[in-house]
Structures are given as C-alpha cells and as structure tokens.
C-alpha cells in the first residue's frame, strides 16, 4: 500500500465521472426582485470527495509542507497558474512537487471558479495522480 492511495484511488473513477458543470442562470432577469445569479460550477460528488481527501492527506502529512505549494512549485521552476500547471511535464517531478500541483489546483478554485474543473477536464489531475502511482 502506498501513502498516496487516498488520492490515487481516484484514477479509475475520474475517467467515468461527469466531474462537474457550469450552472448559468437563464431564468432571472436584471430586476431587483429577480436578480441574476452569478455563474458557478457544480462539482460531482467524486470531485467533492477528492477535495476532502486532498485536505485529509495534507493534514496527515504535515512534514511535506503542502500548504507551501506555491513555494514548492517555484522551487521546481513552475508557476502557480492554470496555464503553467496545465503544460507541466510531470514525468520527472518528485511526489512532493506533484502533490503541490494537486494542492495548488484545489486552492485555485477558491480564487477562480472553474479552475479545478478545467484541470480535471484537460486530463491534468488524472495525469498527476498517475504519476503519483509510479512514485
């Protein structure tokens, strides 16, 4: 058993999951009694469980200092940004850096709705988890 199993168990599940979808308010108008709701992402149960497990892993592995994901990425010549993270070749990255990418992706959602959705849909999350499986 690997210490990454709490995360890598998602490898076979991701491919069969809907991940999530953008919810866009088409029913309300601009009048004050029916204000338009801001677009938002509704994630699948699997993604919500994945996010919980990322935080559980971080809590159980304080020695990895994953709350410093930005510094870890920077130390490895990477930027904390969706485009940079999307284009990262993880084949030679160590587990700590791959975990920093995952933590950065989860945290990015707090600042930019849909960031995590994009990283799931582009295949990045799956690729990163597969890399952890080989660690």
C-alpha atoms as a PDB file:
ATOM      1  CA  UNK A   1       0.000   0.000   0.000  1.00  0.00           C
ATOM      2  CA  UNK A   2       1.212   3.474  -0.883  1.00  0.00           C
ATOM      3  CA  UNK A   3       0.795   6.530   1.306  1.00  0.00           C
ATOM      4  CA  UNK A   4      -0.778   8.179  -1.764  1.00  0.00           C
ATOM      5  CA  UNK A   5      -3.650   5.662  -2.007  1.00  0.00           C
ATOM      6  CA  UNK A   6      -6.119   8.167  -0.532  1.00  0.00           C
ATOM      7  CA  UNK A   7      -5.593  10.162  -3.750  1.00  0.00           C
ATOM      8  CA  UNK A   8      -4.580   7.600  -6.367  1.00  0.00           C
ATOM      9  CA  UNK A   9      -7.773   5.614  -5.749  1.00  0.00           C
ATOM     10  CA  UNK A  10      -9.426   8.266  -7.946  1.00  0.00           C
ATOM     11  CA  UNK A  11      -7.503   7.232 -11.103  1.00  0.00           C
ATOM     12  CA  UNK A  12     -10.109   4.716 -12.333  1.00  0.00           C
ATOM     13  CA  UNK A  13     -13.036   6.799 -11.040  1.00  0.00           C
ATOM     14  CA  UNK A  14     -12.154  10.075 -12.798  1.00  0.00           C
ATOM     15  CA  UNK A  15     -12.495   8.626 -16.279  1.00  0.00           C
ATOM     16  CA  UNK A  16     -16.089   7.518 -15.633  1.00  0.00           C
ATOM     17  CA  UNK A  17     -17.209  10.635 -13.740  1.00  0.00           C
ATOM     18  CA  UNK A  18     -19.018  13.703 -15.073  1.00  0.00           C
ATOM     19  CA  UNK A  19     -16.662  15.924 -12.979  1.00  0.00           C
ATOM     20  CA  UNK A  20     -18.961  18.935 -12.931  1.00  0.00           C
ATOM     21  CA  UNK A  21     -20.730  21.587 -14.941  1.00  0.00           C
ATOM     22  CA  UNK A  22     -21.200  25.316 -15.127  1.00  0.00           C
ATOM     23  CA  UNK A  23     -24.577  26.487 -13.808  1.00  0.00           C
ATOM     24  CA  UNK A  24     -25.752  29.596 -15.635  1.00  0.00           C
ATOM     25  CA  UNK A  25     -28.878  31.443 -14.525  1.00  0.00           C
ATOM     26  CA  UNK A  26     -31.212  31.737 -17.510  1.00  0.00           C
ATOM     27  CA  UNK A  27     -34.419  32.216 -15.546  1.00  0.00           C
ATOM     28  CA  UNK A  28     -33.932  35.509 -13.733  1.00  0.00           C
ATOM     29  CA  UNK A  29     -33.587  38.985 -15.132  1.00  0.00           C
ATOM     30  CA  UNK A  30     -31.877  42.146 -14.040  1.00  0.00           C
ATOM     31  CA  UNK A  31     -34.843  43.382 -11.978  1.00  0.00           C
ATOM     32  CA  UNK A  32     -34.240  43.660  -8.246  1.00  0.00           C
ATOM     33  CA  UNK A  33     -36.948  41.136  -7.337  1.00  0.00           C
ATOM     34  CA  UNK A  34     -35.331  38.506  -9.609  1.00  0.00           C
ATOM     35  CA  UNK A  35     -31.597  39.188  -9.615  1.00  0.00           C
ATOM     36  CA  UNK A  36     -29.426  37.117 -11.920  1.00  0.00           C
ATOM     37  CA  UNK A  37     -27.296  34.602 -10.058  1.00  0.00           C
ATOM     38  CA  UNK A  38     -23.590  34.573 -10.863  1.00  0.00           C
ATOM     39  CA  UNK A  39     -22.438  31.578 -12.915  1.00  0.00           C
ATOM     40  CA  UNK A  40     -20.917  28.872 -10.750  1.00  0.00           C
ATOM     41  CA  UNK A  41     -19.612  25.334 -11.021  1.00  0.00           C
ATOM     42  CA  UNK A  42     -21.473  22.401  -9.550  1.00  0.00           C
ATOM     43  CA  UNK A  43     -18.995  19.604  -8.943  1.00  0.00           C
ATOM     44  CA  UNK A  44     -19.828  15.912  -8.834  1.00  0.00           C
ATOM     45  CA  UNK A  45     -19.738  14.033  -5.551  1.00  0.00           C
ATOM     46  CA  UNK A  46     -16.462  12.421  -6.655  1.00  0.00           C
ATOM     47  CA  UNK A  47     -14.755  15.824  -7.037  1.00  0.00           C
ATOM     48  CA  UNK A  48     -16.040  16.986  -3.658  1.00  0.00           C
ATOM     49  CA  UNK A  49     -14.704  13.776  -2.083  1.00  0.00           C
ATOM     50  CA  UNK A  50     -11.387  14.260  -3.892  1.00  0.00           C
ATOM     51  CA  UNK A  51     -11.057  17.802  -2.486  1.00  0.00           C
ATOM     52  CA  UNK A  52     -11.782  16.481   1.024  1.00  0.00           C
ATOM     53  CA  UNK A  53      -9.167  13.753   0.565  1.00  0.00           C
ATOM     54  CA  UNK A  54      -6.547  16.252  -0.632  1.00  0.00           C
ATOM     55  CA  UNK A  55      -7.008  18.203   2.604  1.00  0.00           C
ATOM     56  CA  UNK A  56      -7.017  14.976   4.649  1.00  0.00           C
ATOM     57  CA  UNK A  57      -3.732  13.936   3.014  1.00  0.00           C
ATOM     58  CA  UNK A  58      -2.211  17.348   3.730  1.00  0.00           C
ATOM     59  CA  UNK A  59      -3.296  17.152   7.391  1.00  0.00           C
ATOM     60  CA  UNK A  60      -1.812  13.662   7.752  1.00  0.00           C
ATOM     61  CA  UNK A  61       1.470  14.598   6.067  1.00  0.00           C
ATOM     62  CA  UNK A  62       2.442  17.941   7.622  1.00  0.00           C
ATOM     63  CA  UNK A  63       6.123  17.091   7.033  1.00  0.00           C
ATOM     64  CA  UNK A  64       5.566  17.602   3.275  1.00  0.00           C
ATOM     65  CA  UNK A  65       4.537  21.241   3.908  1.00  0.00           C
ATOM     66  CA  UNK A  66       1.914  21.178   1.139  1.00  0.00           C
ATOM     67  CA  UNK A  67       0.393  24.430   2.395  1.00  0.00           C
ATOM     68  CA  UNK A  68       3.562  25.934   0.857  1.00  0.00           C
ATOM     69  CA  UNK A  69       2.531  24.593  -2.573  1.00  0.00           C
ATOM     70  CA  UNK A  70       3.411  27.892  -4.278  1.00  0.00           C
ATOM     71  CA  UNK A  71       6.967  27.796  -2.928  1.00  0.00           C
ATOM     72  CA  UNK A  72       7.334  24.112  -3.803  1.00  0.00           C
ATOM     73  CA  UNK A  73       6.244  24.806  -7.374  1.00  0.00           C
ATOM     74  CA  UNK A  74       8.562  27.817  -7.613  1.00  0.00           C
ATOM     75  CA  UNK A  75      11.497  25.759  -6.284  1.00  0.00           C
ATOM     76  CA  UNK A  76      10.851  23.345  -9.159  1.00  0.00           C
ATOM     77  CA  UNK A  77      10.704  26.087 -11.785  1.00  0.00           C
ATOM     78  CA  UNK A  78       6.907  26.051 -12.053  1.00  0.00           C
ATOM     79  CA  UNK A  79       4.314  28.790 -11.719  1.00  0.00           C
ATOM     80  CA  UNK A  80       1.080  28.574  -9.783  1.00  0.00           C
ATOM     81  CA  UNK A  81      -1.284  29.294 -12.636  1.00  0.00           C
ATOM     82  CA  UNK A  82      -3.727  27.195 -14.617  1.00  0.00           C
ATOM     83  CA  UNK A  83      -1.895  27.536 -17.928  1.00  0.00           C
ATOM     84  CA  UNK A  84       1.531  26.809 -16.446  1.00  0.00           C
ATOM     85  CA  UNK A  85       0.197  23.895 -14.425  1.00  0.00           C
ATOM     86  CA  UNK A  86      -1.663  22.560 -17.476  1.00  0.00           C
ATOM     87  CA  UNK A  87       1.540  22.454 -19.515  1.00  0.00           C
ATOM     88  CA  UNK A  88       3.741  20.891 -16.848  1.00  0.00           C
ATOM     89  CA  UNK A  89       5.590  17.707 -17.766  1.00  0.00           C
ATOM     90  CA  UNK A  90       5.357  15.672 -14.580  1.00  0.00           C
ATOM     91  CA  UNK A  91       7.318  12.642 -15.781  1.00  0.00           C
ATOM     92  CA  UNK A  92      10.452  13.674 -13.864  1.00  0.00           C
ATOM     93  CA  UNK A  93       8.879  15.535 -10.935  1.00  0.00           C
ATOM     94  CA  UNK A  94       9.108  14.117  -7.435  1.00  0.00           C
ATOM     95  CA  UNK A  95       5.985  13.209  -5.452  1.00  0.00           C
ATOM     96  CA  UNK A  96       6.151  16.358  -3.318  1.00  0.00           C
ATOM     97  CA  UNK A  97       6.025  18.579  -6.399  1.00  0.00           C
ATOM     98  CA  UNK A  98       3.175  16.573  -7.945  1.00  0.00           C
ATOM     99  CA  UNK A  99       1.274  16.875  -4.658  1.00  0.00           C
ATOM    100  CA  UNK A 100       1.952  20.633  -4.700  1.00  0.00           C
ATOM    101  CA  UNK A 101       0.366  20.782  -8.178  1.00  0.00           C
ATOM    102  CA  UNK A 102      -2.702  18.963  -6.832  1.00  0.00           C
ATOM    103  CA  UNK A 103      -2.926  21.220  -3.777  1.00  0.00           C
ATOM    104  CA  UNK A 104      -2.443  24.278  -5.998  1.00  0.00           C
ATOM    105  CA  UNK A 105      -5.271  23.104  -8.253  1.00  0.00           C
ATOM    106  CA  UNK A 106      -7.638  22.626  -5.319  1.00  0.00           C
ATOM    107  CA  UNK A 107      -6.680  26.014  -3.859  1.00  0.00           C
ATOM    108  CA  UNK A 108      -7.024  27.738  -7.252  1.00  0.00           C
ATOM    109  CA  UNK A 109     -10.746  27.013  -7.179  1.00  0.00           C
ATOM    110  CA  UNK A 110     -11.095  29.353  -4.204  1.00  0.00           C
ATOM    111  CA  UNK A 111      -9.803  32.236  -6.306  1.00  0.00           C
ATOM    112  CA  UNK A 112     -11.168  31.345  -9.730  1.00  0.00           C
ATOM    113  CA  UNK A 113     -14.417  29.429 -10.232  1.00  0.00           C
ATOM    114  CA  UNK A 114     -13.900  26.616 -12.682  1.00  0.00           C
ATOM    115  CA  UNK A 115     -10.099  26.378 -12.356  1.00  0.00           C
ATOM    116  CA  UNK A 116     -10.318  22.869 -10.915  1.00  0.00           C
ATOM    117  CA  UNK A 117     -12.948  21.879 -13.483  1.00  0.00           C
ATOM    118  CA  UNK A 118     -10.569  22.887 -16.290  1.00  0.00           C
ATOM    119  CA  UNK A 119      -7.710  20.889 -14.770  1.00  0.00           C
ATOM    120  CA  UNK A 120      -9.910  17.805 -14.424  1.00  0.00           C
ATOM    121  CA  UNK A 121     -11.372  18.121 -17.924  1.00  0.00           C
ATOM    122  CA  UNK A 122      -7.969  18.696 -19.561  1.00  0.00           C
ATOM    123  CA  UNK A 123      -6.705  15.457 -18.002  1.00  0.00           C
ATOM    124  CA  UNK A 124      -4.115  17.135 -15.754  1.00  0.00           C
ATOM    125  CA  UNK A 125      -5.454  15.817 -12.462  1.00  0.00           C
ATOM    126  CA  UNK A 126      -5.550  12.281 -13.866  1.00  0.00           C
ATOM    127  CA  UNK A 127      -2.007  12.631 -15.264  1.00  0.00           C
ATOM    128  CA  UNK A 128      -0.730  13.900 -11.903  1.00  0.00           C
ATOM    129  CA  UNK A 129      -2.406  11.063  -9.999  1.00  0.00           C
ATOM    130  CA  UNK A 130      -0.991   8.517 -12.432  1.00  0.00           C
ATOM    131  CA  UNK A 131       2.465   9.995 -11.784  1.00  0.00           C
ATOM    132  CA  UNK A 132       1.908   9.554  -8.028  1.00  0.00           C
ATOM    133  CA  UNK A 133       1.018   5.914  -8.694  1.00  0.00           C
ATOM    134  CA  UNK A 134       4.551   5.450 -10.077  1.00  0.00           C
ATOM    135  CA  UNK A 135       6.227   7.107  -7.067  1.00  0.00           C
END
